[in-house]
C-alpha atoms as a PDB file:
ATOM      1  CA  MET A   1      10.293 -28.190 -26.545  1.00  0.00           C
ATOM      2  CA  ARG A   2      11.980 -26.170 -23.786  1.00  0.00           C
ATOM      3  CA  THR A   3      11.056 -22.891 -25.485  1.00  0.00           C
ATOM      4  CA  GLN A   4       7.381 -23.979 -25.480  1.00  0.00           C
ATOM      5  CA  ALA A   5       7.472 -24.940 -21.787  1.00  0.00           C
ATOM      6  CA  TRP A   6       9.097 -21.601 -20.943  1.00  0.00           C
ATOM      7  CA  GLY A   7       6.555 -19.655 -22.911  1.00  0.00           C
ATOM      8  CA  GLY A   8       3.701 -21.471 -21.281  1.00  0.00           C
ATOM      9  CA  ASN A   9       5.197 -20.768 -17.752  1.00  0.00           C
ATOM     10  CA  LEU A  10       5.761 -17.112 -18.663  1.00  0.00           C
ATOM     11  CA  ARG A  11       2.087 -16.792 -19.759  1.00  0.00           C
ATOM     12  CA  CYS A  12       0.903 -18.461 -16.575  1.00  0.00           C
ATOM     13  CA  LEU A  13       3.279 -16.096 -14.502  1.00  0.00           C
ATOM     14  CA  VAL A  14       1.969 -12.963 -16.283  1.00  0.00           C
ATOM     15  CA  ALA A  15      -1.644 -14.078 -15.910  1.00  0.00           C
ATOM     16  CA  GLY A  16      -1.101 -14.703 -12.242  1.00  0.00           C
ATOM     17  CA  MET A  17       0.486 -11.356 -11.738  1.00  0.00           C
ATOM     18  CA  LEU A  18      -2.410  -9.618 -13.473  1.00  0.00           C
ATOM     19  CA  LEU A  19      -4.880 -11.507 -11.202  1.00  0.00           C
ATOM     20  CA  VAL A  20      -3.054 -10.421  -8.118  1.00  0.00           C
ATOM     21  CA  ALA A  21      -2.865  -6.820  -9.266  1.00  0.00           C
ATOM     22  CA  GLY A  22      -6.575  -6.915 -10.019  1.00  0.00           C
ATOM     23  CA  ALA A  23      -7.368  -8.318  -6.570  1.00  0.00           C
ATOM     24  CA  ALA A  24      -5.234  -5.612  -5.006  1.00  0.00           C
ATOM     25  CA  GLN A  25      -7.225  -2.835  -6.777  1.00  0.00           C
ATOM     26  CA  ALA A  26     -10.578  -4.625  -5.991  1.00  0.00           C
ATOM     27  CA  GLY A  27     -12.389  -2.641  -3.252  1.00  0.00           C
ATOM     28  CA  GLN A  28     -10.590   0.549  -4.260  1.00  0.00           C
ATOM     29  CA  LYS A  29     -11.556   3.552  -6.396  1.00  0.00           C
ATOM     30  CA  GLN A  30      -8.956   5.604  -8.368  1.00  0.00           C
ATOM     31  CA  VAL A  31      -9.079   9.183  -9.297  1.00  0.00           C
ATOM     32  CA  GLY A  32      -6.194  11.283 -10.406  1.00  0.00           C
ATOM     33  CA  GLY A  33      -3.740   8.426  -9.810  1.00  0.00           C
ATOM     34  CA  VAL A  34      -4.900   8.142  -6.170  1.00  0.00           C
ATOM     35  CA  HIS A  35      -6.377   4.925  -4.892  1.00  0.00           C
ATOM     36  CA  MET A  36      -8.693   5.060  -2.008  1.00  0.00           C
ATOM     37  CA  PRO A  37     -10.570   2.095  -0.368  1.00  0.00           C
ATOM     38  CA  VAL A  38     -14.401   1.976  -1.059  1.00  0.00           C
ATOM     39  CA  SER A  39     -15.040   1.353   2.608  1.00  0.00           C
ATOM     40  CA  LEU A  40     -13.197   1.757   5.864  1.00  0.00           C
ATOM     41  CA  ASN A  41     -13.690   0.765   9.489  1.00  0.00           C
ATOM     42  CA  LEU A  42     -13.627   3.855  11.708  1.00  0.00           C
ATOM     43  CA  LYS A  43     -14.343   3.671  15.380  1.00  0.00           C
ATOM     44  CA  GLY A  44     -15.898   0.237  15.041  1.00  0.00           C
ATOM     45  CA  ARG A  45     -18.207   1.555  12.327  1.00  0.00           C
ATOM     46  CA  THR A  46     -18.077   0.937   8.531  1.00  0.00           C
ATOM     47  CA  VAL A  47     -18.010   4.025   6.343  1.00  0.00           C
ATOM     48  CA  GLU A  48     -18.323   3.947   2.621  1.00  0.00           C
ATOM     49  CA  LEU A  49     -16.784   6.228  -0.060  1.00  0.00           C
ATOM     50  CA  ALA A  50     -19.545   8.655  -1.064  1.00  0.00           C
ATOM     51  CA  HIS A  51     -17.380  10.874  -3.391  1.00  0.00           C
ATOM     52  CA  MET A  52     -13.952  11.286  -4.676  1.00  0.00           C
ATOM     53  CA  GLU A  53     -12.712  14.142  -6.821  1.00  0.00           C
ATOM     54  CA  LEU A  54      -9.472  15.637  -8.194  1.00  0.00           C
ATOM     55  CA  HIS A  55      -8.792  19.323  -7.420  1.00  0.00           C
ATOM     56  CA  LYS A  56      -6.813  21.310  -9.949  1.00  0.00           C
ATOM     57  CA  GLN A  57      -5.383  24.869  -9.735  1.00  0.00           C
ATOM     58  CA  LEU A  58      -5.066  26.078 -13.326  1.00  0.00           C
ATOM     59  CA  PHE A  59      -3.590  22.882 -14.925  1.00  0.00           C
ATOM     60  CA  PHE A  60      -1.771  21.672 -11.799  1.00  0.00           C
ATOM     61  CA  LYS A  61      -3.144  18.634  -9.892  1.00  0.00           C
ATOM     62  CA  VAL A  62      -3.203  19.776  -6.294  1.00  0.00           C
ATOM     63  CA  TYR A  63      -5.097  17.061  -4.294  1.00  0.00           C
ATOM     64  CA  VAL A  64      -7.723  14.371  -4.374  1.00  0.00           C
ATOM     65  CA  TRP A  65     -10.414  14.645  -1.803  1.00  0.00           C
ATOM     66  CA  SER A  66     -12.655  11.841  -0.626  1.00  0.00           C
ATOM     67  CA  LEU A  67     -15.844  12.002   1.408  1.00  0.00           C
ATOM     68  CA  TYR A  68     -16.610   8.892   3.535  1.00  0.00           C
ATOM     69  CA  MET A  69     -19.918   8.455   5.254  1.00  0.00           C
ATOM     70  CA  GLU A  70     -21.523   5.853   7.447  1.00  0.00           C
ATOM     71  CA  ASP A  71     -25.026   6.578   6.084  1.00  0.00           C
ATOM     72  CA  ARG A  72     -25.453   7.118   2.398  1.00  0.00           C
ATOM     73  CA  PRO A  73     -27.152  10.588   2.110  1.00  0.00           C
ATOM     74  CA  ARG A  74     -29.353  11.688  -0.730  1.00  0.00           C
ATOM     75  CA  SER A  75     -28.653  15.450  -0.383  1.00  0.00           C
ATOM     76  CA  THR A  76     -26.118  17.859   1.128  1.00  0.00           C
ATOM     77  CA  HIS A  77     -28.577  18.641   3.969  1.00  0.00           C
ATOM     78  CA  GLU A  78     -28.702  14.936   4.843  1.00  0.00           C
ATOM     79  CA  ALA A  79     -24.916  14.607   4.691  1.00  0.00           C
ATOM     80  CA  ILE A  80     -24.322  17.632   7.010  1.00  0.00           C
ATOM     81  CA  ASN A  81     -27.083  16.804   9.557  1.00  0.00           C
ATOM     82  CA  SER A  82     -26.491  13.125   9.794  1.00  0.00           C
ATOM     83  CA  ASN A  83     -25.256  12.159  13.195  1.00  0.00           C
ATOM     84  CA  SER A  84     -23.037   9.459  11.856  1.00  0.00           C
ATOM     85  CA  VAL A  85     -19.244   8.962  11.330  1.00  0.00           C
ATOM     86  CA  LYS A  86     -18.043  11.012   8.300  1.00  0.00           C
ATOM     87  CA  ARG A  87     -14.624  11.724   7.047  1.00  0.00           C
ATOM     88  CA  LEU A  88     -12.958  14.138   4.576  1.00  0.00           C
ATOM     89  CA  HIS A  89      -9.590  12.789   3.311  1.00  0.00           C
ATOM     90  CA  PHE A  90      -7.297  14.992   1.282  1.00  0.00           C
ATOM     91  CA  HIS A  91      -4.334  13.258  -0.483  1.00  0.00           C
ATOM     92  CA  PHE A  92      -1.918  15.878  -1.816  1.00  0.00           C
ATOM     93  CA  LEU A  93      -0.368  15.633  -5.284  1.00  0.00           C
ATOM     94  CA  ARG A  94       2.210  18.383  -4.750  1.00  0.00           C
ATOM     95  CA  ASN A  95       4.042  20.150  -2.060  1.00  0.00           C
ATOM     96  CA  ILE A  96       1.876  22.940  -0.307  1.00  0.00           C
ATOM     97  CA  SER A  97       3.274  25.463   2.137  1.00  0.00           C
ATOM     98  CA  ARG A  98       1.493  25.808   5.534  1.00  0.00           C
ATOM     99  CA  ASP A  99       0.583  29.418   4.590  1.00  0.00           C
ATOM    100  CA  GLN A 100      -1.064  28.209   1.321  1.00  0.00           C
ATOM    101  CA  LEU A 101      -2.914  25.565   3.144  1.00  0.00           C
ATOM    102  CA  VAL A 102      -4.197  27.807   5.948  1.00  0.00           C
ATOM    103  CA  GLY A 103      -5.065  30.526   3.428  1.00  0.00           C
ATOM    104  CA  SER A 104      -7.042  28.074   1.281  1.00  0.00           C
ATOM    105  CA  PHE A 105      -8.984  26.740   4.305  1.00  0.00           C
ATOM    106  CA  ARG A 106      -9.506  30.219   5.710  1.00  0.00           C
ATOM    107  CA  ASP A 107     -10.814  31.567   2.440  1.00  0.00           C
ATOM    108  CA  GLY A 108     -13.282  28.734   2.103  1.00  0.00           C
ATOM    109  CA  LEU A 109     -14.393  28.350   5.678  1.00  0.00           C
ATOM    110  CA  GLU A 110     -14.795  31.984   6.578  1.00  0.00           C
ATOM    111  CA  HIS A 111     -17.806  32.198   4.083  1.00  0.00           C
ATOM    112  CA  SER A 112     -19.685  30.772   6.897  1.00  0.00           C
ATOM    113  CA  PRO A 113     -21.012  33.493   9.355  1.00  0.00           C
ATOM    114  CA  ALA A 114     -20.954  31.003  12.167  1.00  0.00           C
ATOM    115  CA  LEU A 115     -17.163  30.415  11.561  1.00  0.00           C
ATOM    116  CA  ARG A 116     -16.269  34.090  11.529  1.00  0.00           C
ATOM    117  CA  ARG A 117     -16.995  34.823  15.089  1.00  0.00           C
ATOM    118  CA  GLY A 118     -17.915  33.327  18.401  1.00  0.00           C
ATOM    119  CA  PRO A 119     -17.057  29.820  19.651  1.00  0.00           C
ATOM    120  CA  LEU A 120     -16.795  28.257  16.215  1.00  0.00           C
ATOM    121  CA  ALA A 121     -14.347  30.952  15.078  1.00  0.00           C
ATOM    122  CA  ASN A 122     -12.163  29.868  18.019  1.00  0.00           C
ATOM    123  CA  HIS A 123     -12.365  26.288  16.943  1.00  0.00           C
ATOM    124  CA  LEU A 124     -11.501  27.321  13.352  1.00  0.00           C
ATOM    125  CA  ARG A 125      -8.366  29.134  14.646  1.00  0.00           C
ATOM    126  CA  ILE A 126      -7.326  25.981  16.680  1.00  0.00           C
ATOM    127  CA  MET A 127      -7.839  23.804  13.518  1.00  0.00           C
ATOM    128  CA  LEU A 128      -5.821  26.178  11.317  1.00  0.00           C
ATOM    129  CA  ALA A 129      -3.060  26.385  13.930  1.00  0.00           C
ATOM    130  CA  SER A 130      -2.627  22.589  13.714  1.00  0.00           C
ATOM    131  CA  LEU A 131      -1.875  22.659   9.886  1.00  0.00           C
ATOM    132  CA  LYS A 132       1.687  22.108   8.632  1.00  0.00           C
ATOM    133  CA  ASP A 133       3.638  22.189   5.389  1.00  0.00           C
ATOM    134  CA  VAL A 134       2.600  19.296   3.167  1.00  0.00           C
ATOM    135  CA  GLN A 135       4.800  17.234   1.026  1.00  0.00           C
ATOM    136  CA  LYS A 136       3.609  15.396  -2.172  1.00  0.00           C
ATOM    137  CA  GLY A 137       1.936  12.121  -1.130  1.00  0.00           C
ATOM    138  CA  GLU A 138       0.867  13.317   2.328  1.00  0.00           C
ATOM    139  CA  ASP A 139      -2.665  13.426   3.679  1.00  0.00           C
ATOM    140  CA  LEU A 140      -4.930  15.557   5.771  1.00  0.00           C
ATOM    141  CA  VAL A 141      -7.752  13.586   7.473  1.00  0.00           C
ATOM    142  CA  ILE A 142     -10.823  15.157   9.131  1.00  0.00           C
ATOM    143  CA  THR A 143     -13.130  12.780  10.918  1.00  0.00           C
ATOM    144  CA  TYR A 144     -16.333  13.478  12.836  1.00  0.00           C
ATOM    145  CA  THR A 145     -17.428  10.845  15.392  1.00  0.00           C
ATOM    146  CA  PRO A 146     -20.934  11.174  16.824  1.00  0.00           C
ATOM    147  CA  GLY A 147     -21.092  12.032  20.581  1.00  0.00           C
ATOM    148  CA  VAL A 148     -17.380  12.803  20.479  1.00  0.00           C
ATOM    149  CA  GLY A 149     -16.319  15.470  17.988  1.00  0.00           C
ATOM    150  CA  LEU A 150     -13.935  16.252  15.121  1.00  0.00           C
ATOM    151  CA  GLU A 151     -10.480  14.949  14.800  1.00  0.00           C
ATOM    152  CA  VAL A 152      -7.929  16.548  12.463  1.00  0.00           C
ATOM    153  CA  GLY A 153      -4.911  14.499  11.644  1.00  0.00           C
ATOM    154  CA  GLY A 154      -2.651  13.041   8.945  1.00  0.00           C
ATOM    155  CA  ASP A 155       0.695  14.362   7.864  1.00  0.00           C
ATOM    156  CA  ALA A 156      -0.689  17.838   7.162  1.00  0.00           C
ATOM    157  CA  SER A 157      -1.734  18.454  10.759  1.00  0.00           C
ATOM    158  CA  GLY A 158      -0.105  18.356  14.099  1.00  0.00           C
ATOM    159  CA  GLY A 159      -3.385  16.747  15.281  1.00  0.00           C
ATOM    160  CA  VAL A 160      -6.172  18.477  17.010  1.00  0.00           C
ATOM    161  CA  PHE A 161      -9.515  17.503  18.497  1.00  0.00           C
ATOM    162  CA  ILE A 162     -12.603  19.769  18.630  1.00  0.00           C
ATOM    163  CA  PRO A 163     -15.448  18.423  20.758  1.00  0.00           C
ATOM    164  CA  GLY A 164     -19.057  18.458  19.782  1.00  0.00           C
ATOM    165  CA  LYS A 165     -20.997  18.498  16.525  1.00  0.00           C
ATOM    166  CA  ASN A 166     -21.524  22.131  15.745  1.00  0.00           C
ATOM    167  CA  PHE A 167     -18.020  22.873  14.332  1.00  0.00           C
ATOM    168  CA  ALA A 168     -18.074  19.634  12.323  1.00  0.00           C
ATOM    169  CA  ASP A 169     -21.468  20.604  10.827  1.00  0.00           C
ATOM    170  CA  ALA A 170     -20.200  24.073   9.943  1.00  0.00           C
ATOM    171  CA  LEU A 171     -17.035  22.719   8.330  1.00  0.00           C
ATOM    172  CA  PHE A 172     -18.941  19.989   6.332  1.00  0.00           C
ATOM    173  CA  SER A 173     -21.532  22.478   5.336  1.00  0.00           C
ATOM    174  CA  VAL A 174     -19.094  24.959   3.840  1.00  0.00           C
ATOM    175  CA  TRP A 175     -17.165  22.117   2.144  1.00  0.00           C
ATOM    176  CA  LEU A 176     -20.141  20.522   0.633  1.00  0.00           C
ATOM    177  CA  ASP A 177     -21.803  23.866  -0.396  1.00  0.00           C
ATOM    178  CA  SER A 178     -18.474  24.796  -2.141  1.00  0.00           C
ATOM    179  CA  HIS A 179     -17.974  21.292  -3.626  1.00  0.00           C
ATOM    180  CA  PRO A 180     -21.519  20.038  -4.502  1.00  0.00           C
ATOM    181  CA  ILE A 181     -21.834  16.343  -4.956  1.00  0.00           C
ATOM    182  CA  PHE A 182     -25.575  16.017  -4.698  1.00  0.00           C
ATOM    183  CA  PRO A 183     -28.165  17.311  -7.169  1.00  0.00           C
ATOM    184  CA  ARG A 184     -29.472  20.658  -6.174  1.00  0.00           C
END
């Protein structure tokens, strides 16, 4: 009799734990072992997860990147030109040196003629100077807020603010052209 009661209690406990675990995962998306919320409140506005992807180098998992947007775009052009809150969030799955991180960003972002010279090139230098060594599990967060500018933060950056929309547009343009998420 005691064994039956104990078995019934154990089943209820396990079922309860599964329900709690499922509720904790509700409202999140998982890619490469990284869980990200499907929506966030940023600057008093709600942004939704538009895309999430695992980046590998050879066979090593390097990071998972996520794109959050206030307005759901239908194209890369709409995503870039939208004057709404948008965020690129990188969650690193391995240690990355500052030199590797800076080199990777520089290689990708300098494909844009606008980022190679002039005022935007100065903004790029400021952003790259803020980057730091990254430990596994740390984040780099890049957020554009309309009428304000671009904030770079998280564990992988010392934090920097770049005013205006031009640099943000150039950064998002290069990123979304290099990592297409919309039909072309």
